[in-house]
Amino acid sequence: QVRLVESGGRMVQPGGSLRISCAASGFDFRRYAIMWYRQASGKEREMVAQITTPGATTFYPDSVKGRFSISRDNTQYTVSLRVNSLKPEDTAVYYCGVPMRSAWGQGTQVTVSA
């Protein structure tokens, strides 16, 4: 079955950087667009990055454009999200997902605090 496992979340100081990753298995990863979402406590889920296939076209909402960067490795079945210039408002649980398969991981916590 489809399995997505996020990792790499931790506490960082404002202005810091972090790379979080998602390992996929159980489906042909190369055929699907992958998204990263986040959900902060008490707020709605927000899409923060998307990468298509083939071609690896990326999309970011204005709230993170220029600070977040998504990439994928179709040989390792992984997708990563590089987050730079972190702000306290970036604190959330970050999830990777495959919308066309209605599949989501369990999430990884990113906390931005001094």
N, C-alpha and C. Protein backbone atom coordinates (compact mmCIF):
# COMPACT_ATOMS: atom_id res chain seq x y z
N GLN A 1 0.83 -1.17 0.00
CA GLN A 1 0.00 0.00 0.00
C GLN A 1 0.89 1.25 0.00
N VAL A 2 0.28 2.38 -0.34
CA VAL A 2 1.02 3.64 -0.38
C VAL A 2 1.49 3.99 1.03
N ARG A 3 2.78 4.32 1.13
CA ARG A 3 3.33 4.72 2.42
C ARG A 3 4.22 5.93 2.21
N LEU A 4 4.01 6.94 3.06
CA LEU A 4 4.79 8.17 3.02
C LEU A 4 5.30 8.44 4.43
N VAL A 5 6.59 8.63 4.58
CA VAL A 5 7.18 8.83 5.89
C VAL A 5 8.04 10.09 5.87
N GLU A 6 7.59 11.10 6.62
CA GLU A 6 8.34 12.35 6.71
C GLU A 6 9.38 12.27 7.82
N SER A 7 10.44 13.05 7.68
CA SER A 7 11.47 13.12 8.71
C SER A 7 12.20 14.45 8.60
N GLY A 8 12.96 14.76 9.66
CA GLY A 8 13.83 15.93 9.63
C GLY A 8 13.31 17.14 10.39
N GLY A 9 12.08 17.09 10.86
CA GLY A 9 11.55 18.23 11.59
C GLY A 9 12.22 18.38 12.94
N ARG A 10 12.40 19.61 13.37
CA ARG A 10 13.01 19.90 14.67
C ARG A 10 12.78 21.36 15.01
N MET A 11 13.31 21.78 16.14
CA MET A 11 13.22 23.18 16.53
C MET A 11 14.41 23.94 15.96
N VAL A 12 14.13 25.10 15.37
CA VAL A 12 15.19 25.95 14.83
C VAL A 12 14.92 27.39 15.26
N GLN A 13 15.95 28.21 15.24
CA GLN A 13 15.80 29.62 15.60
C GLN A 13 15.29 30.41 14.40
N PRO A 14 14.62 31.51 14.64
CA PRO A 14 14.19 32.38 13.52
C PRO A 14 15.39 32.74 12.64
N GLY A 15 15.15 32.71 11.34
CA GLY A 15 16.22 32.98 10.38
C GLY A 15 17.00 31.75 9.98
N GLY A 16 16.77 30.65 10.66
CA GLY A 16 17.49 29.41 10.36
C GLY A 16 16.93 28.67 9.15
N SER A 17 17.59 27.55 8.85
CA SER A 17 17.22 26.73 7.69
C SER A 17 17.06 25.29 8.11
N LEU A 18 16.35 24.55 7.29
CA LEU A 18 16.06 23.16 7.61
C LEU A 18 15.71 22.43 6.32
N ARG A 19 16.04 21.13 6.27
CA ARG A 19 15.59 20.29 5.16
C ARG A 19 14.76 19.15 5.74
N ILE A 20 13.55 19.03 5.28
CA ILE A 20 12.72 17.90 5.69
C ILE A 20 12.51 17.00 4.47
N SER A 21 12.34 15.72 4.74
CA SER A 21 12.28 14.74 3.66
C SER A 21 11.08 13.84 3.81
N CYS A 22 10.73 13.22 2.69
CA CYS A 22 9.61 12.28 2.66
C CYS A 22 10.03 11.08 1.84
N ALA A 23 9.96 9.90 2.43
CA ALA A 23 10.28 8.65 1.74
C ALA A 23 8.98 7.96 1.34
N ALA A 24 8.88 7.62 0.06
CA ALA A 24 7.65 7.02 -0.46
C ALA A 24 7.88 5.56 -0.83
N SER A 25 6.83 4.76 -0.72
CA SER A 25 6.89 3.37 -1.12
C SER A 25 5.48 2.87 -1.41
N GLY A 26 5.40 1.75 -2.11
CA GLY A 26 4.11 1.12 -2.35
C GLY A 26 3.37 1.59 -3.59
N PHE A 27 3.98 2.45 -4.39
CA PHE A 27 3.34 2.91 -5.62
C PHE A 27 4.44 3.41 -6.55
N ASP A 28 4.07 3.67 -7.81
CA ASP A 28 5.05 4.19 -8.79
C ASP A 28 5.20 5.69 -8.60
N PHE A 29 6.11 6.05 -7.72
CA PHE A 29 6.36 7.44 -7.31
C PHE A 29 6.58 8.34 -8.52
N ARG A 30 7.20 7.81 -9.56
CA ARG A 30 7.61 8.63 -10.70
C ARG A 30 6.42 9.18 -11.48
N ARG A 31 5.25 8.63 -11.26
CA ARG A 31 4.08 9.01 -12.06
C ARG A 31 3.24 10.12 -11.44
N TYR A 32 3.58 10.53 -10.21
CA TYR A 32 2.66 11.40 -9.48
C TYR A 32 3.30 12.71 -9.03
N ALA A 33 2.49 13.77 -9.10
CA ALA A 33 2.88 15.02 -8.47
C ALA A 33 2.84 14.85 -6.95
N ILE A 34 3.76 15.50 -6.28
CA ILE A 34 3.88 15.42 -4.83
C ILE A 34 3.71 16.83 -4.26
N MET A 35 3.04 16.91 -3.13
CA MET A 35 2.86 18.18 -2.47
C MET A 35 3.35 18.12 -1.03
N TRP A 36 3.80 19.26 -0.53
CA TRP A 36 4.04 19.44 0.90
C TRP A 36 2.94 20.37 1.42
N TYR A 37 2.36 20.00 2.54
CA TYR A 37 1.37 20.81 3.22
C TYR A 37 1.88 21.08 4.64
N ARG A 38 1.28 22.05 5.28
CA ARG A 38 1.55 22.25 6.70
C ARG A 38 0.26 22.62 7.40
N GLN A 39 0.22 22.32 8.66
CA GLN A 39 -0.93 22.69 9.47
C GLN A 39 -0.45 23.15 10.83
N ALA A 40 -0.69 24.40 11.11
CA ALA A 40 -0.35 24.96 12.41
C ALA A 40 -1.50 24.72 13.38
N SER A 41 -1.20 24.72 14.64
CA SER A 41 -2.21 24.47 15.66
C SER A 41 -3.35 25.49 15.54
N GLY A 42 -4.56 24.99 15.41
CA GLY A 42 -5.74 25.84 15.34
C GLY A 42 -5.99 26.47 13.99
N LYS A 43 -5.19 26.09 12.98
CA LYS A 43 -5.36 26.68 11.65
C LYS A 43 -5.65 25.60 10.62
N GLU A 44 -6.12 26.03 9.45
CA GLU A 44 -6.40 25.11 8.38
C GLU A 44 -5.11 24.65 7.71
N ARG A 45 -5.19 23.50 7.06
CA ARG A 45 -4.04 22.99 6.32
C ARG A 45 -3.75 23.91 5.14
N GLU A 46 -2.46 24.13 4.87
CA GLU A 46 -2.00 25.04 3.82
C GLU A 46 -1.00 24.32 2.93
N MET A 47 -1.21 24.36 1.62
CA MET A 47 -0.22 23.78 0.70
C MET A 47 0.95 24.76 0.60
N VAL A 48 2.16 24.25 0.73
CA VAL A 48 3.34 25.11 0.68
C VAL A 48 4.28 24.81 -0.48
N ALA A 49 4.11 23.68 -1.15
CA ALA A 49 4.98 23.38 -2.29
C ALA A 49 4.41 22.21 -3.08
N GLN A 50 4.63 22.26 -4.38
CA GLN A 50 4.20 21.19 -5.27
C GLN A 50 5.28 20.96 -6.31
N ILE A 51 5.48 19.69 -6.66
CA ILE A 51 6.41 19.36 -7.73
C ILE A 51 5.76 18.32 -8.62
N THR A 52 5.80 18.55 -9.91
CA THR A 52 5.13 17.67 -10.86
C THR A 52 6.10 16.62 -11.39
N THR A 53 5.59 15.77 -12.25
CA THR A 53 6.41 14.81 -12.97
C THR A 53 5.71 14.47 -14.27
N PRO A 54 6.45 14.30 -15.38
CA PRO A 54 7.88 14.58 -15.52
C PRO A 54 8.15 16.07 -15.59
N GLY A 55 9.38 16.43 -15.57
CA GLY A 55 9.75 17.83 -15.73
C GLY A 55 10.01 18.56 -14.43
N ALA A 56 9.47 18.05 -13.31
CA ALA A 56 9.72 18.64 -11.99
C ALA A 56 9.40 20.13 -11.95
N THR A 57 8.27 20.52 -12.51
CA THR A 57 7.81 21.90 -12.38
C THR A 57 7.36 22.12 -10.94
N THR A 58 7.75 23.27 -10.38
CA THR A 58 7.43 23.55 -8.98
C THR A 58 6.45 24.72 -8.87
N PHE A 59 5.73 24.73 -7.75
CA PHE A 59 4.79 25.81 -7.46
C PHE A 59 4.81 26.07 -5.97
N TYR A 60 4.77 27.38 -5.62
CA TYR A 60 4.75 27.79 -4.22
C TYR A 60 3.75 28.92 -4.03
N PRO A 61 3.04 28.94 -2.92
CA PRO A 61 2.18 30.09 -2.63
C PRO A 61 3.05 31.29 -2.24
N ASP A 62 2.47 32.47 -2.31
CA ASP A 62 3.22 33.69 -2.01
C ASP A 62 3.80 33.69 -0.59
N SER A 63 3.12 33.00 0.33
CA SER A 63 3.56 33.02 1.73
C SER A 63 4.95 32.40 1.92
N VAL A 64 5.40 31.55 1.00
CA VAL A 64 6.69 30.89 1.17
C VAL A 64 7.61 31.07 -0.04
N LYS A 65 7.11 31.67 -1.10
CA LYS A 65 7.90 31.80 -2.33
C LYS A 65 9.21 32.52 -2.04
N GLY A 66 10.29 31.95 -2.56
CA GLY A 66 11.61 32.52 -2.35
C GLY A 66 12.32 31.98 -1.12
N ARG A 67 11.58 31.32 -0.23
CA ARG A 67 12.18 30.76 0.98
C ARG A 67 12.14 29.24 1.00
N PHE A 68 11.15 28.64 0.35
CA PHE A 68 11.00 27.19 0.31
C PHE A 68 11.40 26.66 -1.06
N SER A 69 11.97 25.46 -1.07
CA SER A 69 12.37 24.84 -2.32
C SER A 69 12.11 23.34 -2.25
N ILE A 70 11.30 22.84 -3.17
CA ILE A 70 10.96 21.42 -3.20
C ILE A 70 11.77 20.73 -4.29
N SER A 71 12.18 19.50 -4.03
CA SER A 71 12.89 18.71 -5.02
C SER A 71 12.50 17.25 -4.86
N ARG A 72 12.74 16.47 -5.90
CA ARG A 72 12.38 15.06 -5.84
C ARG A 72 13.49 14.23 -6.46
N ASP A 73 13.60 13.00 -6.01
CA ASP A 73 14.54 12.03 -6.57
C ASP A 73 13.72 10.82 -6.99
N ASN A 74 13.51 10.68 -8.28
CA ASN A 74 12.67 9.60 -8.78
C ASN A 74 13.36 8.24 -8.77
N THR A 75 14.66 8.22 -8.46
CA THR A 75 15.35 6.93 -8.32
C THR A 75 15.30 6.45 -6.87
N GLN A 76 15.30 7.37 -5.92
CA GLN A 76 15.26 7.02 -4.50
C GLN A 76 13.84 7.08 -3.93
N TYR A 77 12.89 7.56 -4.71
CA TYR A 77 11.51 7.71 -4.26
C TYR A 77 11.44 8.61 -3.02
N THR A 78 12.11 9.76 -3.13
CA THR A 78 12.07 10.72 -2.03
C THR A 78 11.74 12.11 -2.55
N VAL A 79 11.17 12.91 -1.69
CA VAL A 79 10.93 14.31 -1.99
C VAL A 79 11.37 15.11 -0.78
N SER A 80 12.04 16.23 -1.02
CA SER A 80 12.57 17.04 0.06
C SER A 80 12.02 18.45 -0.03
N LEU A 81 12.03 19.11 1.11
CA LEU A 81 11.63 20.51 1.18
C LEU A 81 12.70 21.26 1.95
N ARG A 82 13.37 22.18 1.28
CA ARG A 82 14.36 23.04 1.92
C ARG A 82 13.65 24.31 2.34
N VAL A 83 13.76 24.65 3.61
CA VAL A 83 13.09 25.83 4.11
C VAL A 83 14.15 26.77 4.69
N ASN A 84 14.18 27.98 4.17
CA ASN A 84 15.16 28.98 4.58
C ASN A 84 14.47 30.18 5.24
N SER A 85 15.28 30.98 5.90
CA SER A 85 14.78 32.21 6.53
C SER A 85 13.51 31.95 7.34
N LEU A 86 13.58 30.94 8.18
CA LEU A 86 12.38 30.51 8.91
C LEU A 86 11.87 31.59 9.85
N LYS A 87 10.56 31.65 9.95
CA LYS A 87 9.85 32.61 10.80
C LYS A 87 9.02 31.84 11.82
N PRO A 88 8.70 32.46 12.94
CA PRO A 88 7.85 31.77 13.92
C PRO A 88 6.53 31.29 13.32
N GLU A 89 6.01 32.02 12.36
CA GLU A 89 4.74 31.62 11.73
C GLU A 89 4.88 30.41 10.82
N ASP A 90 6.10 29.93 10.60
CA ASP A 90 6.31 28.69 9.84
C ASP A 90 6.15 27.46 10.75
N THR A 91 5.99 27.68 12.04
CA THR A 91 5.80 26.57 12.97
C THR A 91 4.53 25.80 12.62
N ALA A 92 4.67 24.50 12.40
CA ALA A 92 3.55 23.67 11.98
C ALA A 92 4.00 22.22 11.87
N VAL A 93 3.04 21.34 11.70
CA VAL A 93 3.35 19.97 11.28
C VAL A 93 3.35 19.97 9.75
N TYR A 94 4.42 19.46 9.17
CA TYR A 94 4.57 19.42 7.72
C TYR A 94 4.31 18.00 7.23
N TYR A 95 3.47 17.90 6.20
CA TYR A 95 3.07 16.62 5.64
C TYR A 95 3.42 16.57 4.16
N CYS A 96 3.84 15.40 3.68
CA CYS A 96 3.91 15.21 2.24
C CYS A 96 2.68 14.40 1.83
N GLY A 97 2.26 14.63 0.59
CA GLY A 97 1.05 13.97 0.13
C GLY A 97 1.04 13.72 -1.36
N VAL A 98 0.28 12.74 -1.76
CA VAL A 98 0.06 12.41 -3.15
C VAL A 98 -1.44 12.54 -3.38
N PRO A 99 -1.89 13.71 -3.78
CA PRO A 99 -3.34 13.93 -3.88
C PRO A 99 -4.05 12.96 -4.80
N MET A 100 -3.40 12.57 -5.90
CA MET A 100 -4.06 11.66 -6.84
C MET A 100 -4.24 10.26 -6.26
N ARG A 101 -3.54 9.96 -5.17
CA ARG A 101 -3.69 8.68 -4.49
C ARG A 101 -4.35 8.84 -3.13
N SER A 102 -4.78 10.08 -2.81
CA SER A 102 -5.39 10.37 -1.50
C SER A 102 -4.54 9.84 -0.36
N ALA A 103 -3.25 10.06 -0.46
CA ALA A 103 -2.30 9.51 0.51
C ALA A 103 -1.52 10.63 1.18
N TRP A 104 -1.31 10.49 2.48
CA TRP A 104 -0.58 11.49 3.26
C TRP A 104 0.27 10.78 4.29
N GLY A 105 1.37 11.43 4.66
CA GLY A 105 2.19 10.87 5.70
C GLY A 105 1.69 11.27 7.08
N GLN A 106 2.48 10.91 8.09
CA GLN A 106 2.08 11.19 9.46
C GLN A 106 2.54 12.57 9.93
N GLY A 107 3.41 13.19 9.15
CA GLY A 107 3.85 14.55 9.44
C GLY A 107 5.12 14.61 10.26
N THR A 108 5.80 15.76 10.18
CA THR A 108 6.99 16.02 10.98
C THR A 108 6.88 17.45 11.51
N GLN A 109 7.18 17.62 12.80
CA GLN A 109 6.98 18.90 13.45
C GLN A 109 8.17 19.83 13.22
N VAL A 110 7.86 21.04 12.74
CA VAL A 110 8.86 22.09 12.63
C VAL A 110 8.45 23.21 13.57
N THR A 111 9.35 23.58 14.47
CA THR A 111 9.09 24.64 15.43
C THR A 111 10.15 25.71 15.27
N VAL A 112 9.71 26.94 15.07
CA VAL A 112 10.63 28.06 14.91
C VAL A 112 10.49 28.96 16.14
N SER A 113 11.52 28.97 16.95
CA SER A 113 11.44 29.71 18.20
C SER A 113 12.83 30.08 18.66
N ALA A 114 12.91 31.26 19.30
CA ALA A 114 14.18 31.67 19.88
C ALA A 114 14.38 31.03 21.25
